[in-house]
N, C-alpha and C. Protein backbone atom coordinates (compact mmCIF):
# COMPACT_ATOMS: atom_id res chain seq x y z
N MET A 1 -3.86 4.96 45.92
CA MET A 1 -3.86 3.81 44.95
C MET A 1 -2.68 3.94 44.04
N GLY A 2 -2.04 2.99 43.86
CA GLY A 2 -1.09 2.67 43.53
C GLY A 2 -1.41 2.44 41.85
N VAL A 3 -0.15 2.56 41.07
CA VAL A 3 -0.11 2.61 39.71
C VAL A 3 -0.34 1.05 39.30
N MET A 4 -0.96 0.29 38.53
CA MET A 4 -1.07 -1.17 37.90
C MET A 4 -0.25 -0.86 36.58
N THR A 5 0.67 -2.29 37.31
CA THR A 5 1.27 -3.08 35.89
C THR A 5 1.03 -3.27 35.20
N THR A 6 1.83 -3.75 33.84
CA THR A 6 1.21 -5.35 33.15
C THR A 6 2.59 -6.19 33.24
N SER A 7 2.19 -7.21 32.72
CA SER A 7 3.49 -8.63 32.83
C SER A 7 3.82 -8.21 31.22
N THR A 8 4.98 -8.99 31.55
CA THR A 8 5.67 -9.14 30.02
C THR A 8 4.43 -10.75 29.55
N THR A 9 4.65 -11.08 29.78
CA THR A 9 3.23 -12.42 29.93
C THR A 9 2.17 -11.85 29.33
N GLN A 10 1.44 -11.32 30.07
CA GLN A 10 0.49 -10.79 29.43
C GLN A 10 0.70 -9.85 28.04
N VAL A 11 1.55 -9.14 27.91
CA VAL A 11 1.70 -8.46 26.25
C VAL A 11 1.90 -9.56 25.79
N LEU A 12 2.74 -10.85 25.81
CA LEU A 12 2.95 -11.66 24.87
C LEU A 12 1.30 -12.38 24.54
N ARG A 13 0.80 -12.73 25.54
CA ARG A 13 -0.33 -12.90 25.25
C ARG A 13 -1.31 -12.25 24.36
N TRP A 14 -1.45 -11.27 24.59
CA TRP A 14 -2.44 -10.08 23.69
C TRP A 14 -1.61 -10.47 22.09
N ILE A 15 -0.62 -10.27 22.40
CA ILE A 15 0.01 -10.26 20.69
C ILE A 15 -0.30 -11.44 20.19
N LYS A 16 0.01 -12.68 20.96
CA LYS A 16 -0.50 -14.17 20.11
C LYS A 16 -1.75 -14.41 20.43
N GLN A 17 -2.86 -13.46 21.13
CA GLN A 17 -4.25 -13.41 19.96
C GLN A 17 -4.21 -13.04 18.76
N GLY A 18 -3.62 -11.97 18.80
CA GLY A 18 -3.87 -10.90 17.50
C GLY A 18 -3.24 -11.98 16.15
N LEU A 19 -1.83 -12.14 16.29
CA LEU A 19 -0.88 -12.95 15.83
C LEU A 19 -0.44 -14.63 15.97
N PRO A 20 -1.30 -15.74 16.38
CA PRO A 20 -1.37 -16.52 16.88
C PRO A 20 0.03 -17.31 16.71
N GLU A 21 0.51 -17.18 15.09
CA GLU A 21 1.42 -18.24 14.60
C GLU A 21 3.46 -17.47 15.20
N ALA A 22 3.02 -16.57 15.31
CA ALA A 22 4.14 -15.54 15.37
C ALA A 22 5.03 -15.86 16.95
N CYS A 23 6.72 -16.06 16.55
CA CYS A 23 7.00 -16.11 17.91
C CYS A 23 7.08 -14.77 18.36
N VAL A 24 7.01 -14.42 19.75
CA VAL A 24 7.26 -13.62 20.54
C VAL A 24 7.74 -13.50 21.10
N SER A 25 8.93 -12.51 21.85
CA SER A 25 9.42 -12.27 22.96
C SER A 25 9.35 -11.26 23.76
N VAL A 26 9.29 -10.49 24.77
CA VAL A 26 8.92 -9.51 25.58
C VAL A 26 9.71 -9.29 26.71
N ASP A 27 10.13 -8.07 26.80
CA ASP A 27 11.06 -7.57 28.00
C ASP A 27 10.34 -6.31 28.06
N GLY A 28 10.36 -5.76 29.76
CA GLY A 28 9.69 -4.65 30.11
C GLY A 28 9.65 -4.63 31.77
N ASP A 29 9.45 -3.31 31.92
CA ASP A 29 9.10 -3.35 33.56
C ASP A 29 7.90 -3.02 33.92
N GLY A 30 6.67 -3.22 33.32
CA GLY A 30 5.29 -3.33 33.82
C GLY A 30 4.91 -2.12 32.99
N ARG A 31 6.13 -0.96 32.30
CA ARG A 31 4.97 0.20 31.70
C ARG A 31 5.20 0.15 30.30
N HIS A 32 6.99 -0.35 30.35
CA HIS A 32 7.49 0.00 29.11
C HIS A 32 7.90 -1.18 28.68
N PHE A 33 7.69 -1.06 27.29
CA PHE A 33 8.13 -2.59 26.82
C PHE A 33 8.85 -3.37 25.45
N SER A 34 9.24 -3.91 25.30
CA SER A 34 10.47 -3.74 24.04
C SER A 34 9.72 -5.40 23.41
N VAL A 35 9.33 -5.94 22.40
CA VAL A 35 8.80 -6.90 21.75
C VAL A 35 9.59 -7.00 20.36
N ARG A 36 9.65 -8.58 20.72
CA ARG A 36 10.46 -9.11 18.94
C ARG A 36 9.63 -10.03 18.29
N ILE A 37 8.68 -9.67 17.69
CA ILE A 37 7.83 -10.88 16.49
C ILE A 37 8.15 -11.25 15.14
N ILE A 38 8.44 -12.69 15.38
CA ILE A 38 8.72 -13.07 13.51
C ILE A 38 7.35 -13.43 13.14
N ALA A 39 6.96 -13.11 12.22
CA ALA A 39 5.68 -13.92 11.72
C ALA A 39 5.78 -13.84 10.44
N THR A 40 4.98 -14.91 9.56
CA THR A 40 4.98 -14.56 8.27
C THR A 40 3.73 -13.70 7.60
N GLU A 41 3.11 -13.05 8.76
CA GLU A 41 2.26 -11.95 8.81
C GLU A 41 3.05 -10.78 8.01
N PHE A 42 4.40 -10.38 8.07
CA PHE A 42 5.17 -9.40 7.74
C PHE A 42 5.56 -9.30 6.44
N GLU A 43 5.93 -10.62 6.03
CA GLU A 43 6.17 -10.90 4.96
C GLU A 43 5.51 -10.29 3.56
N GLY A 44 6.29 -9.32 2.64
CA GLY A 44 5.78 -8.73 1.59
C GLY A 44 4.90 -6.78 2.13
N VAL A 45 5.11 -6.66 3.43
CA VAL A 45 4.10 -5.17 3.88
C VAL A 45 6.11 -4.42 4.64
N THR A 46 5.16 -3.08 4.61
CA THR A 46 5.97 -2.39 5.15
C THR A 46 6.50 -2.23 6.53
N LEU A 47 7.65 -1.36 7.23
CA LEU A 47 7.61 -1.31 8.90
C LEU A 47 6.32 -0.85 9.18
N LEU A 48 5.89 0.09 8.64
CA LEU A 48 4.85 0.70 9.41
C LEU A 48 3.51 -0.27 8.87
N GLN A 49 3.23 -1.07 7.85
CA GLN A 49 2.55 -2.17 8.21
C GLN A 49 2.26 -2.81 8.98
N ARG A 50 3.48 -3.12 9.45
CA ARG A 50 3.83 -4.11 10.65
C ARG A 50 3.58 -3.83 11.98
N HIS A 51 4.07 -2.72 12.35
CA HIS A 51 3.61 -1.70 13.27
C HIS A 51 2.19 -1.75 14.01
N ARG A 52 1.48 -1.49 12.56
CA ARG A 52 -0.08 -1.66 12.56
C ARG A 52 -0.52 -2.67 13.06
N LEU A 53 -0.11 -3.71 12.25
CA LEU A 53 -0.60 -5.36 12.46
C LEU A 53 -0.17 -5.76 14.35
N VAL A 54 1.04 -5.01 14.84
CA VAL A 54 1.15 -5.41 16.12
C VAL A 54 0.04 -4.46 16.85
N TYR A 55 0.14 -3.20 16.69
CA TYR A 55 -1.13 -2.42 17.34
C TYR A 55 -2.17 -2.83 17.43
N ARG A 56 -2.70 -3.46 16.75
CA ARG A 56 -4.33 -3.97 16.00
C ARG A 56 -4.09 -5.35 17.15
N ALA A 57 -3.11 -5.50 17.05
CA ALA A 57 -3.22 -6.64 18.05
C ALA A 57 -3.42 -6.88 19.67
N LEU A 58 -2.66 -5.75 19.71
CA LEU A 58 -2.87 -5.07 20.85
C LEU A 58 -3.55 -4.39 21.54
N GLY A 59 -4.43 -3.64 20.75
CA GLY A 59 -6.04 -2.96 20.80
C GLY A 59 -5.72 -1.82 21.86
N GLU A 60 -7.26 -1.84 22.64
CA GLU A 60 -7.27 -0.82 23.48
C GLU A 60 -6.22 -1.24 25.25
N HIS A 61 -5.21 -2.11 24.78
CA HIS A 61 -4.35 -1.92 26.16
C HIS A 61 -3.19 -1.33 25.69
N MET A 62 -2.57 -0.97 24.01
CA MET A 62 -1.95 0.22 23.98
C MET A 62 -2.77 1.52 24.62
N ALA A 63 -3.56 2.04 24.59
CA ALA A 63 -4.20 3.13 25.72
C ALA A 63 -4.23 2.93 26.85
N HIS A 64 -4.29 1.92 27.54
CA HIS A 64 -4.64 1.85 29.23
C HIS A 64 -3.45 0.70 29.70
N ASP A 65 -2.88 0.08 29.19
CA ASP A 65 -1.70 -1.00 29.93
C ASP A 65 -0.53 -0.41 29.54
N ILE A 66 -0.20 -0.06 28.48
CA ILE A 66 0.92 -0.03 28.03
C ILE A 66 1.78 1.34 27.59
N HIS A 67 2.86 2.15 28.86
CA HIS A 67 2.60 3.90 28.36
C HIS A 67 3.69 3.58 26.91
N ALA A 68 4.84 2.93 26.92
CA ALA A 68 5.83 2.88 25.74
C ALA A 68 6.02 1.33 25.12
N LEU A 69 6.51 1.20 23.66
CA LEU A 69 6.57 0.21 22.87
C LEU A 69 7.34 0.07 21.90
N SER A 70 8.30 -0.73 22.07
CA SER A 70 9.58 -0.41 21.23
C SER A 70 9.06 -1.90 20.27
N ILE A 71 8.91 -1.94 19.28
CA ILE A 71 8.82 -3.03 18.33
C ILE A 71 10.01 -3.80 17.18
N GLU A 72 10.31 -4.91 17.08
CA GLU A 72 11.53 -5.30 16.29
C GLU A 72 10.51 -6.34 15.71
N ALA A 73 9.74 -6.10 14.15
CA ALA A 73 9.00 -7.23 13.63
C ALA A 73 9.96 -7.73 12.12
N LEU A 74 10.06 -8.65 12.25
CA LEU A 74 10.71 -9.77 11.81
C LEU A 74 9.75 -10.31 10.83
N THR A 75 10.04 -10.81 9.49
CA THR A 75 9.70 -12.32 9.06
C THR A 75 10.66 -13.03 9.33
N PRO A 76 10.00 -14.28 9.22
CA PRO A 76 11.40 -16.03 9.39
C PRO A 76 12.71 -15.36 8.95
N GLU A 77 12.37 -15.24 7.52
CA GLU A 77 13.68 -15.38 6.40
C GLU A 77 14.69 -14.25 7.22
N GLU A 78 14.34 -12.94 7.68
CA GLU A 78 15.00 -11.72 7.81
C GLU A 78 15.64 -12.08 9.73
N ALA A 79 14.95 -12.95 10.32
CA ALA A 79 15.48 -13.07 11.65
C ALA A 79 16.25 -14.03 11.58
N GLU A 80 16.53 -15.25 10.35
CA GLU A 80 17.43 -16.50 10.00
C GLU A 80 18.91 -15.69 9.38
N SER A 81 18.57 -14.44 9.10
CA SER A 81 19.81 -13.71 8.54
C SER A 81 20.10 -13.08 9.26
N LEU A 82 19.79 -12.79 10.57
CA LEU A 82 20.28 -12.20 11.62
C LEU A 82 20.93 -13.07 12.44
N ASN A 83 20.69 -14.56 12.43
CA ASN A 83 21.59 -15.11 13.06
C ASN A 83 22.49 -15.68 12.84
């Protein structure tokens, strides 16, 4: 029996369920993912708190469907300053 893989679309959908107003982009190979999330929920919170919000949105999927996750969590103002 082969290893199950997760699509980038699934990861995007899971994050959007927990952070519905966020702008989310996902790249990955089925087990390792990089996400860029721009959300007002990140305003006024530490980097650790931002990551916890993302992990909370992903819930049990972090334990079962995602092997590794790289997170770029930005406020809209931070994202605008990078452009």
